[in-house]
Every structure is written in C-alpha cells, then in structure tokens.
Amino acid sequence: MAKVSIIVPVYNTEKYLQKCLDSLVGQTLQDIEIICVNDASTDKSLDILKEYAQKDSRIKIIEQEHLKQGAARNNGTGYATGEYIGYVDSDDWIDLDYYERLYNAAKKYDLDIALANNVRIGKNKYKKRLEIKEEKVYDELQKKIDICKQWKNECPTNKIYRNTLLRDNKISWPEGVYCEDKLFTIKAIYYANGIVTVPDINYYYFKNPKSTVSWNARRHKKEYNRDKNNARKAVLDFLKSKKVNIRDKEFWAIKSQVKFLGITLIKTKISIYTEKTLLLGFIPIIYKEFYKYV
C-alpha cells in the first residue's frame, strides 16, 4: 500500500503534461503511486506517459475511451491502493513537498482530508484563490465548508482524501457531464471527520484556454450551463437529505425561468431553506422560507 495515490486524468495536454509529471515524480514523499488515466488522447500525451513510466515504476497508465474527466477519475480511483488519494489535472502542477506535508498533517491528527493553498496561473497572472495561513483542524460542517471555499466553489484538487472516506461513503465523480466536481467535493467535506489546513504549500491551477471546461464551455454554452445548474441541484438535494443547518445562501440553483428573446422575464431560485422568484432575474417579487432543521 502506498501512502498516497495520485490520480491524473489526461486528455490532449501534451504541452503541459511534462511539467505536471515532473512535479509528481519529484515529490519528497517517495511512497506514492501515480495513476494516469489516458482519456483517448489524440495528441502525443500517451507517448509522454509511456516515456515517464519506463523511467519510474510508480507510474501506472490506464487507457479508456473518451469518457471525460469524471469517468477518468473514477477509473483511476478504482485502481488506487494508497492510504490517501489526491487528484491532479494534467495541465496543473504542485510543490515538490506537497504530498509529504499533506500526508504528515493528515496522519498527525488522524483526519480524512488535508487541504493546501490553491494558486491560479493564467496569462501573465498569478493569483492565490485560497491561501492557508496556519495549520489548523476544522470539524464542524459550516467551518469545513468555509475553509474550503474559494471563488464560490470548494475545489477538489488541492486536497488529499483518505481512501476509506471515499470507499465507505461511496463517493464518486458524476460522469459524462461538466462541473462534476461540485457533488464529489461537498460529499467528501460532509462525511470527513475533519479537515486540517497546511500552509506554505501550493497546488498550481493553470487556466488552460484549451481545457475541457474552458474550451467546451464556450463551444457548448447551453450544455455547460445546464450541467452546472444540475450539479447545483444535486448538491442541494444531498444537503437537504442530510438535514443540515448551514448558511442558506451559499448553495443555490435555478428551479425555473422564463425567457423571451433571450431576456429573462421570471426566474425562481432555490436554496436549502428558501425559494425566491425574481422579476427580470434580479427583482424579488415572491419569497418563501422553509422549515430549518434543528
């Protein structure tokens, strides 16, 4: 059993893949396995994977049909033997002591999740979307959500998860859709016995203009927006099923809307405890509040 299994979904990232792999094979934590799931790449990504695998026996290559990122992560997770699991996108990279620091912190407190900084890298831009200031443990649901929140979302990649957390609670990635990370992450946060924050280590998220999300969101805006709203609904359904008491407005989805010539006339938004109908999409005209769980 490795200490950490790293799952890397790969699809047509030949320009960035070597930098990603270099940051993984160079980890100060040696006892890792690197599971790369080739999602039917049509460029030289598979050749690069094979070249690295010949040099490092810790790299395992799994090939699948083009089933998108959610399926690739599920496929890789199914092969993972590590005590903890981490997810790295193939156009991103991490600090060399990233997994050693996360693993040691998780073991120190016997926790299901350890959390690091998240840095967004764009064209001539470097921005910390989540900056951890101290090593600290969070075990209350609202506080776990708060510490993971970055730019309105709980990012799944700047963490390690105990393998048994995912397996025992049947936490997997929705497949064949965009925004597959929302439901996975909130389930992991909910079921985790606690989260420890680890300062001074970074996950570098590269804003790749040709990534699956960026590229396809522009080409298939309608499908992307649909999947995004469906993911929000799924998160709401999960939280409601658990009868949670957390801040209401952080989780919401569009229940229905009426448009004319592309202009929103009426929109109804739902959250955990409330529902509101908006004229022109922003003027409140009807407000309902539901029972809060005690």
C-alpha atoms as a PDB file:
ATOM      1  CA  MET A   1       0.000   0.000   0.000  1.00  0.00           C
ATOM      2  CA  ALA A   2       1.327   3.417  -0.992  1.00  0.00           C
ATOM      3  CA  LYS A   3       0.900   6.344   1.333  1.00  0.00           C
ATOM      4  CA  VAL A   4      -0.725   8.444  -1.403  1.00  0.00           C
ATOM      5  CA  SER A   5      -2.256   7.504  -4.745  1.00  0.00           C
ATOM      6  CA  ILE A   6      -2.287  10.369  -7.239  1.00  0.00           C
ATOM      7  CA  ILE A   7      -4.948  10.235  -9.955  1.00  0.00           C
ATOM      8  CA  VAL A   8      -4.192  12.173 -13.147  1.00  0.00           C
ATOM      9  CA  PRO A   9      -6.832  12.303 -15.899  1.00  0.00           C
ATOM     10  CA  VAL A  10      -5.101  13.024 -19.211  1.00  0.00           C
ATOM     11  CA  TYR A  11      -6.664  14.324 -22.397  1.00  0.00           C
ATOM     12  CA  ASN A  12      -4.654  16.151 -25.074  1.00  0.00           C
ATOM     13  CA  THR A  13      -2.330  18.069 -22.740  1.00  0.00           C
ATOM     14  CA  GLU A  14       0.993  17.343 -24.442  1.00  0.00           C
ATOM     15  CA  LYS A  15       2.129  20.961 -23.975  1.00  0.00           C
ATOM     16  CA  TYR A  16       1.755  20.845 -20.195  1.00  0.00           C
ATOM     17  CA  LEU A  17       1.959  17.177 -19.212  1.00  0.00           C
ATOM     18  CA  GLN A  18       5.714  17.022 -18.650  1.00  0.00           C
ATOM     19  CA  LYS A  19       5.632  19.864 -16.141  1.00  0.00           C
ATOM     20  CA  CYS A  20       2.810  18.104 -14.287  1.00  0.00           C
ATOM     21  CA  LEU A  21       4.614  14.750 -14.229  1.00  0.00           C
ATOM     22  CA  ASP A  22       7.927  16.320 -13.184  1.00  0.00           C
ATOM     23  CA  SER A  23       6.207  17.803 -10.140  1.00  0.00           C
ATOM     24  CA  LEU A  24       4.806  14.367  -9.245  1.00  0.00           C
ATOM     25  CA  VAL A  25       7.844  12.126  -9.726  1.00  0.00           C
ATOM     26  CA  GLY A  26       9.954  14.709  -7.874  1.00  0.00           C
ATOM     27  CA  GLN A  27       7.833  14.571  -4.706  1.00  0.00           C
ATOM     28  CA  THR A  28       9.788  14.386  -1.470  1.00  0.00           C
ATOM     29  CA  LEU A  29       7.274  11.751  -0.380  1.00  0.00           C
ATOM     30  CA  GLN A  30       8.620   8.723  -2.226  1.00  0.00           C
ATOM     31  CA  ASP A  31       5.973   6.191  -1.239  1.00  0.00           C
ATOM     32  CA  ILE A  32       3.382   7.197  -3.820  1.00  0.00           C
ATOM     33  CA  GLU A  33       1.739   5.740  -6.888  1.00  0.00           C
ATOM     34  CA  ILE A  34       0.870   7.894  -9.894  1.00  0.00           C
ATOM     35  CA  ILE A  35      -2.158   6.588 -11.792  1.00  0.00           C
ATOM     36  CA  CYS A  36      -2.508   8.320 -15.154  1.00  0.00           C
ATOM     37  CA  VAL A  37      -5.778   7.723 -16.970  1.00  0.00           C
ATOM     38  CA  ASN A  38      -5.472   8.448 -20.678  1.00  0.00           C
ATOM     39  CA  ASP A  39      -8.917   9.548 -21.854  1.00  0.00           C
ATOM     40  CA  ALA A  40      -8.321   8.614 -25.534  1.00  0.00           C
ATOM     41  CA  SER A  41      -5.912  11.484 -26.216  1.00  0.00           C
ATOM     42  CA  THR A  42      -5.273  12.196 -29.903  1.00  0.00           C
ATOM     43  CA  ASP A  43      -2.018  14.140 -29.430  1.00  0.00           C
ATOM     44  CA  LYS A  44       1.293  12.886 -28.003  1.00  0.00           C
ATOM     45  CA  SER A  45       0.094  12.679 -24.395  1.00  0.00           C
ATOM     46  CA  LEU A  46       0.153   8.873 -24.311  1.00  0.00           C
ATOM     47  CA  ASP A  47       3.709   8.789 -25.708  1.00  0.00           C
ATOM     48  CA  ILE A  48       4.816  11.153 -22.951  1.00  0.00           C
ATOM     49  CA  LEU A  49       3.130   8.963 -20.312  1.00  0.00           C
ATOM     50  CA  LYS A  50       4.862   5.850 -21.626  1.00  0.00           C
ATOM     51  CA  GLU A  51       8.234   7.607 -21.650  1.00  0.00           C
ATOM     52  CA  TYR A  52       7.852   8.606 -17.992  1.00  0.00           C
ATOM     53  CA  ALA A  53       6.500   5.175 -16.997  1.00  0.00           C
ATOM     54  CA  GLN A  54       9.611   3.499 -18.411  1.00  0.00           C
ATOM     55  CA  LYS A  55      11.742   5.608 -16.097  1.00  0.00           C
ATOM     56  CA  ASP A  56       9.566   5.439 -12.957  1.00  0.00           C
ATOM     57  CA  SER A  57       7.801   2.242 -11.887  1.00  0.00           C
ATOM     58  CA  ARG A  58       5.435   4.216  -9.667  1.00  0.00           C
ATOM     59  CA  ILE A  59       3.615   5.460 -12.769  1.00  0.00           C
ATOM     60  CA  LYS A  60       0.712   3.316 -13.940  1.00  0.00           C
ATOM     61  CA  ILE A  61      -1.112   4.016 -17.195  1.00  0.00           C
ATOM     62  CA  ILE A  62      -4.780   3.209 -17.689  1.00  0.00           C
ATOM     63  CA  GLU A  63      -6.425   3.738 -21.058  1.00  0.00           C
ATOM     64  CA  GLN A  64     -10.112   4.346 -21.618  1.00  0.00           C
ATOM     65  CA  GLU A  65     -12.489   5.578 -24.279  1.00  0.00           C
ATOM     66  CA  HIS A  66     -13.114   9.324 -24.332  1.00  0.00           C
ATOM     67  CA  LEU A  67     -15.477   9.432 -21.347  1.00  0.00           C
ATOM     68  CA  LYS A  68     -14.416  12.797 -19.884  1.00  0.00           C
ATOM     69  CA  GLN A  69     -12.798  13.712 -16.616  1.00  0.00           C
ATOM     70  CA  GLY A  70     -15.314  12.318 -14.141  1.00  0.00           C
ATOM     71  CA  ALA A  71     -15.059   8.809 -15.560  1.00  0.00           C
ATOM     72  CA  ALA A  72     -11.262   9.069 -15.723  1.00  0.00           C
ATOM     73  CA  ARG A  73     -11.055   9.996 -12.049  1.00  0.00           C
ATOM     74  CA  ASN A  74     -13.417   7.172 -11.076  1.00  0.00           C
ATOM     75  CA  ASN A  75     -11.417   4.714 -13.147  1.00  0.00           C
ATOM     76  CA  GLY A  76      -8.169   5.777 -11.526  1.00  0.00           C
ATOM     77  CA  THR A  77      -9.659   5.730  -8.044  1.00  0.00           C
ATOM     78  CA  GLY A  78     -10.747   2.138  -8.604  1.00  0.00           C
ATOM     79  CA  TYR A  79      -7.092   1.132  -9.040  1.00  0.00           C
ATOM     80  CA  ALA A  80      -5.779   3.207  -6.132  1.00  0.00           C
ATOM     81  CA  THR A  81      -4.131   1.308  -3.281  1.00  0.00           C
ATOM     82  CA  GLY A  82      -2.917   4.349  -1.341  1.00  0.00           C
ATOM     83  CA  GLU A  83      -3.957   5.215   2.181  1.00  0.00           C
ATOM     84  CA  TYR A  84      -4.852   8.659   0.834  1.00  0.00           C
ATOM     85  CA  ILE A  85      -5.847   9.811  -2.640  1.00  0.00           C
ATOM     86  CA  GLY A  86      -5.029  13.053  -4.429  1.00  0.00           C
ATOM     87  CA  TYR A  87      -6.236  14.372  -7.774  1.00  0.00           C
ATOM     88  CA  VAL A  88      -4.072  16.454 -10.118  1.00  0.00           C
ATOM     89  CA  ASP A  89      -5.210  17.673 -13.526  1.00  0.00           C
ATOM     90  CA  SER A  90      -2.651  17.055 -16.250  1.00  0.00           C
ATOM     91  CA  ASP A  91      -2.123  20.741 -17.047  1.00  0.00           C
ATOM     92  CA  ASP A  92      -1.552  21.665 -13.385  1.00  0.00           C
ATOM     93  CA  TRP A  93       1.410  21.100 -11.060  1.00  0.00           C
ATOM     94  CA  ILE A  94       2.308  21.098  -7.359  1.00  0.00           C
ATOM     95  CA  ASP A  95       5.153  21.986  -4.992  1.00  0.00           C
ATOM     96  CA  LEU A  96       7.673  19.201  -4.509  1.00  0.00           C
ATOM     97  CA  ASP A  97       6.895  18.772  -0.796  1.00  0.00           C
ATOM     98  CA  TYR A  98       3.137  18.983  -1.404  1.00  0.00           C
ATOM     99  CA  TYR A  99       2.152  15.388  -0.638  1.00  0.00           C
ATOM    100  CA  GLU A 100       4.646  14.873   2.163  1.00  0.00           C
ATOM    101  CA  ARG A 101       3.292  17.886   4.020  1.00  0.00           C
ATOM    102  CA  LEU A 102      -0.357  16.981   3.418  1.00  0.00           C
ATOM    103  CA  TYR A 103       0.134  13.334   4.356  1.00  0.00           C
ATOM    104  CA  ASN A 104       2.048  14.114   7.557  1.00  0.00           C
ATOM    105  CA  ALA A 105      -0.600  16.614   8.668  1.00  0.00           C
ATOM    106  CA  ALA A 106      -3.469  14.207   7.968  1.00  0.00           C
ATOM    107  CA  LYS A 107      -1.713  11.437   9.917  1.00  0.00           C
ATOM    108  CA  LYS A 108      -0.772  13.757  12.770  1.00  0.00           C
ATOM    109  CA  TYR A 109      -4.425  14.483  13.524  1.00  0.00           C
ATOM    110  CA  ASP A 110      -5.879  11.230  12.093  1.00  0.00           C
ATOM    111  CA  LEU A 111      -8.121  13.171   9.706  1.00  0.00           C
ATOM    112  CA  ASP A 112      -9.826  12.291   6.445  1.00  0.00           C
ATOM    113  CA  ILE A 113      -8.814  15.410   4.486  1.00  0.00           C
ATOM    114  CA  ALA A 114      -5.770  17.684   4.373  1.00  0.00           C
ATOM    115  CA  LEU A 115      -6.009  20.973   2.488  1.00  0.00           C
ATOM    116  CA  ALA A 116      -3.406  23.179   0.762  1.00  0.00           C
ATOM    117  CA  ASN A 117      -3.216  26.570  -0.946  1.00  0.00           C
ATOM    118  CA  ASN A 118      -4.624  26.941  -4.440  1.00  0.00           C
ATOM    119  CA  VAL A 119      -2.883  29.258  -6.888  1.00  0.00           C
ATOM    120  CA  ARG A 120      -4.417  30.166 -10.238  1.00  0.00           C
ATOM    121  CA  ILE A 121      -1.961  30.666 -13.079  1.00  0.00           C
ATOM    122  CA  GLY A 122      -3.215  32.478 -16.183  1.00  0.00           C
ATOM    123  CA  LYS A 123      -1.700  34.571 -18.929  1.00  0.00           C
ATOM    124  CA  ASN A 124       0.778  36.763 -17.068  1.00  0.00           C
ATOM    125  CA  LYS A 125      -1.323  36.299 -13.926  1.00  0.00           C
ATOM    126  CA  TYR A 126      -0.582  34.661 -10.572  1.00  0.00           C
ATOM    127  CA  LYS A 127      -3.393  34.728  -8.043  1.00  0.00           C
ATOM    128  CA  LYS A 128      -3.959  32.833  -4.828  1.00  0.00           C
ATOM    129  CA  ARG A 129      -7.567  31.695  -4.839  1.00  0.00           C
ATOM    130  CA  LEU A 130      -7.184  30.071  -1.448  1.00  0.00           C
ATOM    131  CA  GLU A 131      -4.406  30.997   0.955  1.00  0.00           C
ATOM    132  CA  ILE A 132      -3.910  28.964   4.110  1.00  0.00           C
ATOM    133  CA  LYS A 133      -2.352  30.934   6.954  1.00  0.00           C
ATOM    134  CA  GLU A 134      -1.900  28.257   9.623  1.00  0.00           C
ATOM    135  CA  GLU A 135      -2.081  24.565  10.410  1.00  0.00           C
ATOM    136  CA  LYS A 136      -5.496  24.142  11.986  1.00  0.00           C
ATOM    137  CA  VAL A 137      -8.192  21.488  12.346  1.00  0.00           C
ATOM    138  CA  TYR A 138     -11.836  22.047  11.381  1.00  0.00           C
ATOM    139  CA  ASP A 139     -14.517  19.511  12.269  1.00  0.00           C
ATOM    140  CA  GLU A 140     -17.830  21.420  12.219  1.00  0.00           C
ATOM    141  CA  LEU A 141     -19.648  21.290   8.873  1.00  0.00           C
ATOM    142  CA  GLN A 142     -20.008  25.042   8.319  1.00  0.00           C
ATOM    143  CA  LYS A 143     -16.376  25.625   9.238  1.00  0.00           C
ATOM    144  CA  LYS A 144     -15.249  22.783   6.951  1.00  0.00           C
ATOM    145  CA  ILE A 145     -17.200  24.371   4.103  1.00  0.00           C
ATOM    146  CA  ASP A 146     -15.845  27.836   4.870  1.00  0.00           C
ATOM    147  CA  ILE A 147     -12.194  26.812   4.896  1.00  0.00           C
ATOM    148  CA  CYS A 148     -12.549  25.002   1.574  1.00  0.00           C
ATOM    149  CA  LYS A 149     -14.395  27.840  -0.151  1.00  0.00           C
ATOM    150  CA  GLN A 150     -12.563  29.588  -2.954  1.00  0.00           C
ATOM    151  CA  TRP A 151     -14.173  31.724  -5.612  1.00  0.00           C
ATOM    152  CA  LYS A 152     -17.629  30.387  -4.744  1.00  0.00           C
ATOM    153  CA  ASN A 153     -16.574  26.728  -5.023  1.00  0.00           C
ATOM    154  CA  GLU A 154     -14.982  24.007  -2.917  1.00  0.00           C
ATOM    155  CA  CYS A 155     -12.098  22.950  -5.175  1.00  0.00           C
ATOM    156  CA  PRO A 156     -11.452  19.161  -5.181  1.00  0.00           C
ATOM    157  CA  THR A 157      -7.816  19.112  -6.295  1.00  0.00           C
ATOM    158  CA  ASN A 158      -5.955  20.985  -3.541  1.00  0.00           C
ATOM    159  CA  LYS A 159      -6.605  18.181  -1.039  1.00  0.00           C
ATOM    160  CA  ILE A 160      -5.886  14.583  -0.154  1.00  0.00           C
ATOM    161  CA  TYR A 161      -8.716  12.283   0.883  1.00  0.00           C
ATOM    162  CA  ARG A 162      -8.482   9.161   2.988  1.00  0.00           C
ATOM    163  CA  ASN A 163      -9.183   6.227   0.674  1.00  0.00           C
ATOM    164  CA  THR A 164     -11.687   4.695   3.072  1.00  0.00           C
ATOM    165  CA  LEU A 165     -13.577   8.012   3.271  1.00  0.00           C
ATOM    166  CA  LEU A 166     -14.382   7.710  -0.422  1.00  0.00           C
ATOM    167  CA  ARG A 167     -14.974   3.972  -0.487  1.00  0.00           C
ATOM    168  CA  ASP A 168     -17.048   3.629   2.705  1.00  0.00           C
ATOM    169  CA  ASN A 169     -19.330   6.503   1.728  1.00  0.00           C
ATOM    170  CA  LYS A 170     -19.475   5.571  -1.972  1.00  0.00           C
ATOM    171  CA  ILE A 171     -18.235   8.999  -3.029  1.00  0.00           C
ATOM    172  CA  SER A 172     -17.553   9.093  -6.757  1.00  0.00           C
ATOM    173  CA  TRP A 173     -17.452  11.599  -9.603  1.00  0.00           C
ATOM    174  CA  PRO A 174     -20.523  12.188 -11.793  1.00  0.00           C
ATOM    175  CA  GLU A 175     -19.646  11.048 -15.316  1.00  0.00           C
ATOM    176  CA  GLY A 176     -20.227  12.469 -18.776  1.00  0.00           C
ATOM    177  CA  VAL A 177     -21.053  15.987 -17.555  1.00  0.00           C
ATOM    178  CA  TYR A 178     -19.382  19.308 -16.842  1.00  0.00           C
ATOM    179  CA  CYS A 179     -18.989  20.566 -13.262  1.00  0.00           C
ATOM    180  CA  GLU A 180     -18.540  17.031 -11.945  1.00  0.00           C
ATOM    181  CA  ASP A 181     -16.515  18.340  -9.010  1.00  0.00           C
ATOM    182  CA  LYS A 182     -19.326  20.034  -7.071  1.00  0.00           C
ATOM    183  CA  LEU A 183     -21.165  16.974  -5.723  1.00  0.00           C
ATOM    184  CA  PHE A 184     -17.973  14.967  -5.124  1.00  0.00           C
ATOM    185  CA  THR A 185     -16.393  17.718  -3.057  1.00  0.00           C
ATOM    186  CA  ILE A 186     -19.391  18.566  -0.873  1.00  0.00           C
ATOM    187  CA  LYS A 187     -19.935  14.875  -0.095  1.00  0.00           C
ATOM    188  CA  ALA A 188     -16.297  14.457   0.914  1.00  0.00           C
ATOM    189  CA  ILE A 189     -16.433  17.567   3.096  1.00  0.00           C
ATOM    190  CA  TYR A 190     -19.680  16.427   4.727  1.00  0.00           C
ATOM    191  CA  TYR A 191     -18.511  12.893   5.577  1.00  0.00           C
ATOM    192  CA  ALA A 192     -14.945  13.815   6.580  1.00  0.00           C
ATOM    193  CA  ASN A 193     -14.203  13.504  10.291  1.00  0.00           C
ATOM    194  CA  GLY A 194     -12.230  16.728   9.945  1.00  0.00           C
ATOM    195  CA  ILE A 195     -10.018  18.833   7.699  1.00  0.00           C
ATOM    196  CA  VAL A 196      -6.532  20.052   8.523  1.00  0.00           C
ATOM    197  CA  THR A 197      -5.140  23.078   6.709  1.00  0.00           C
ATOM    198  CA  VAL A 198      -1.480  23.065   5.712  1.00  0.00           C
ATOM    199  CA  PRO A 199       0.200  26.440   4.982  1.00  0.00           C
ATOM    200  CA  ASP A 200       3.059  27.226   2.611  1.00  0.00           C
ATOM    201  CA  ILE A 201       2.407  24.523   0.009  1.00  0.00           C
ATOM    202  CA  ASN A 202       0.656  25.146  -3.278  1.00  0.00           C
ATOM    203  CA  TYR A 203      -1.464  23.472  -5.903  1.00  0.00           C
ATOM    204  CA  TYR A 204      -0.972  25.429  -9.139  1.00  0.00           C
ATOM    205  CA  TYR A 205      -4.128  25.544 -11.228  1.00  0.00           C
ATOM    206  CA  PHE A 206      -3.303  26.539 -14.801  1.00  0.00           C
ATOM    207  CA  LYS A 207      -6.093  28.356 -16.627  1.00  0.00           C
ATOM    208  CA  ASN A 208      -5.645  26.410 -19.858  1.00  0.00           C
ATOM    209  CA  PRO A 209      -7.601  28.106 -22.669  1.00  0.00           C
ATOM    210  CA  LYS A 210      -7.998  24.710 -24.375  1.00  0.00           C
ATOM    211  CA  SER A 211      -9.015  22.753 -21.278  1.00  0.00           C
ATOM    212  CA  THR A 212     -12.187  20.670 -21.305  1.00  0.00           C
ATOM    213  CA  VAL A 213     -14.080  23.261 -19.268  1.00  0.00           C
ATOM    214  CA  SER A 214     -12.759  26.449 -20.878  1.00  0.00           C
ATOM    215  CA  TRP A 215     -12.904  25.246 -24.478  1.00  0.00           C
ATOM    216  CA  ASN A 216     -16.158  23.321 -24.390  1.00  0.00           C
ATOM    217  CA  ALA A 217     -17.923  25.860 -22.183  1.00  0.00           C
ATOM    218  CA  ARG A 218     -17.507  28.347 -24.984  1.00  0.00           C
ATOM    219  CA  ARG A 219     -18.498  25.910 -27.725  1.00  0.00           C
ATOM    220  CA  HIS A 220     -21.365  24.280 -25.819  1.00  0.00           C
ATOM    221  CA  LYS A 221     -22.532  27.045 -23.526  1.00  0.00           C
ATOM    222  CA  LYS A 222     -26.089  25.724 -23.251  1.00  0.00           C
ATOM    223  CA  GLU A 223     -24.973  22.232 -22.191  1.00  0.00           C
ATOM    224  CA  TYR A 224     -22.390  23.651 -19.798  1.00  0.00           C
ATOM    225  CA  ASN A 225     -24.907  25.920 -18.083  1.00  0.00           C
ATOM    226  CA  ARG A 226     -27.389  23.055 -17.860  1.00  0.00           C
ATOM    227  CA  ASP A 227     -24.841  20.718 -16.265  1.00  0.00           C
ATOM    228  CA  LYS A 228     -23.683  23.449 -13.899  1.00  0.00           C
ATOM    229  CA  ASN A 229     -27.222  24.078 -12.651  1.00  0.00           C
ATOM    230  CA  ASN A 230     -27.937  20.344 -12.401  1.00  0.00           C
ATOM    231  CA  ALA A 231     -24.788  19.963 -10.303  1.00  0.00           C
ATOM    232  CA  ARG A 232     -26.007  22.719  -8.001  1.00  0.00           C
ATOM    233  CA  LYS A 233     -29.379  20.971  -7.689  1.00  0.00           C
ATOM    234  CA  ALA A 234     -27.639  17.707  -6.837  1.00  0.00           C
ATOM    235  CA  VAL A 235     -25.665  19.447  -4.079  1.00  0.00           C
ATOM    236  CA  LEU A 236     -28.875  20.952  -2.684  1.00  0.00           C
ATOM    237  CA  ASP A 237     -30.627  17.579  -2.769  1.00  0.00           C
ATOM    238  CA  PHE A 238     -27.737  15.968  -0.912  1.00  0.00           C
ATOM    239  CA  LEU A 239     -27.564  18.667   1.778  1.00  0.00           C
ATOM    240  CA  LYS A 240     -31.333  18.622   2.257  1.00  0.00           C
ATOM    241  CA  SER A 241     -31.300  14.833   2.584  1.00  0.00           C
ATOM    242  CA  LYS A 242     -28.823  15.222   5.453  1.00  0.00           C
ATOM    243  CA  LYS A 243     -30.994  17.882   7.174  1.00  0.00           C
ATOM    244  CA  VAL A 244     -28.023  20.183   7.621  1.00  0.00           C
ATOM    245  CA  ASN A 245     -28.010  23.520   9.408  1.00  0.00           C
ATOM    246  CA  ILE A 246     -25.651  25.787   7.492  1.00  0.00           C
ATOM    247  CA  ARG A 247     -25.802  29.227   5.889  1.00  0.00           C
ATOM    248  CA  ASP A 248     -28.547  29.191   3.315  1.00  0.00           C
ATOM    249  CA  LYS A 249     -27.390  31.468   0.514  1.00  0.00           C
ATOM    250  CA  GLU A 250     -24.102  29.716  -0.274  1.00  0.00           C
ATOM    251  CA  PHE A 251     -25.834  26.879  -2.095  1.00  0.00           C
ATOM    252  CA  TRP A 252     -28.482  27.631  -4.685  1.00  0.00           C
ATOM    253  CA  ALA A 253     -29.797  26.608  -8.095  1.00  0.00           C
ATOM    254  CA  ILE A 254     -32.288  27.796 -10.684  1.00  0.00           C
ATOM    255  CA  LYS A 255     -35.588  25.982 -10.254  1.00  0.00           C
ATOM    256  CA  SER A 256     -37.236  27.515 -13.318  1.00  0.00           C
ATOM    257  CA  GLN A 257     -37.041  30.526 -15.579  1.00  0.00           C
ATOM    258  CA  VAL A 258     -38.972  32.125 -18.401  1.00  0.00           C
ATOM    259  CA  LYS A 259     -37.149  33.925 -21.205  1.00  0.00           C
ATOM    260  CA  PHE A 260     -38.282  35.940 -24.194  1.00  0.00           C
ATOM    261  CA  LEU A 261     -35.850  36.783 -26.991  1.00  0.00           C
ATOM    262  CA  GLY A 262     -33.021  35.775 -24.693  1.00  0.00           C
ATOM    263  CA  ILE A 263     -34.146  38.106 -21.908  1.00  0.00           C
ATOM    264  CA  THR A 264     -35.029  36.595 -18.519  1.00  0.00           C
ATOM    265  CA  LEU A 265     -38.549  37.608 -17.523  1.00  0.00           C
ATOM    266  CA  ILE A 266     -39.091  35.428 -14.450  1.00  0.00           C
ATOM    267  CA  LYS A 267     -36.547  33.321 -12.574  1.00  0.00           C
ATOM    268  CA  THR A 268     -37.087  31.157  -9.490  1.00  0.00           C
ATOM    269  CA  LYS A 269     -34.036  30.301  -7.399  1.00  0.00           C
ATOM    270  CA  ILE A 270     -33.931  27.700  -4.647  1.00  0.00           C
ATOM    271  CA  SER A 271     -31.508  27.223  -1.783  1.00  0.00           C
ATOM    272  CA  ILE A 272     -31.535  24.900   1.210  1.00  0.00           C
ATOM    273  CA  TYR A 273     -34.250  26.654   3.192  1.00  0.00           C
ATOM    274  CA  THR A 274     -35.606  29.327   0.844  1.00  0.00           C
ATOM    275  CA  GLU A 275     -37.111  29.939  -2.570  1.00  0.00           C
ATOM    276  CA  LYS A 276     -37.431  33.298  -4.294  1.00  0.00           C
ATOM    277  CA  THR A 277     -38.941  34.426  -7.572  1.00  0.00           C
ATOM    278  CA  LEU A 278     -37.242  37.314  -9.350  1.00  0.00           C
ATOM    279  CA  LEU A 279     -38.664  39.658 -11.959  1.00  0.00           C
ATOM    280  CA  LEU A 280     -36.177  40.175 -14.814  1.00  0.00           C
ATOM    281  CA  GLY A 281     -33.883  37.831 -12.943  1.00  0.00           C
ATOM    282  CA  PHE A 282     -32.963  40.219 -10.121  1.00  0.00           C
ATOM    283  CA  ILE A 283     -36.044  41.990  -8.683  1.00  0.00           C
ATOM    284  CA  PRO A 284     -37.539  39.918  -5.790  1.00  0.00           C
ATOM    285  CA  ILE A 285     -41.326  39.503  -6.030  1.00  0.00           C
ATOM    286  CA  ILE A 286     -42.028  36.263  -4.122  1.00  0.00           C
ATOM    287  CA  TYR A 287     -40.089  34.877  -1.152  1.00  0.00           C
ATOM    288  CA  LYS A 288     -40.669  31.570   0.654  1.00  0.00           C
ATOM    289  CA  GLU A 289     -38.868  30.199   3.689  1.00  0.00           C
ATOM    290  CA  PHE A 290     -38.918  26.526   4.554  1.00  0.00           C
ATOM    291  CA  TYR A 291     -38.515  24.733   7.853  1.00  0.00           C
ATOM    292  CA  LYS A 292     -34.997  24.736   9.279  1.00  0.00           C
ATOM    293  CA  TYR A 293     -33.735  21.539  10.804  1.00  0.00           C
ATOM    294  CA  VAL A 294     -32.868  21.576  14.495  1.00  0.00           C
END
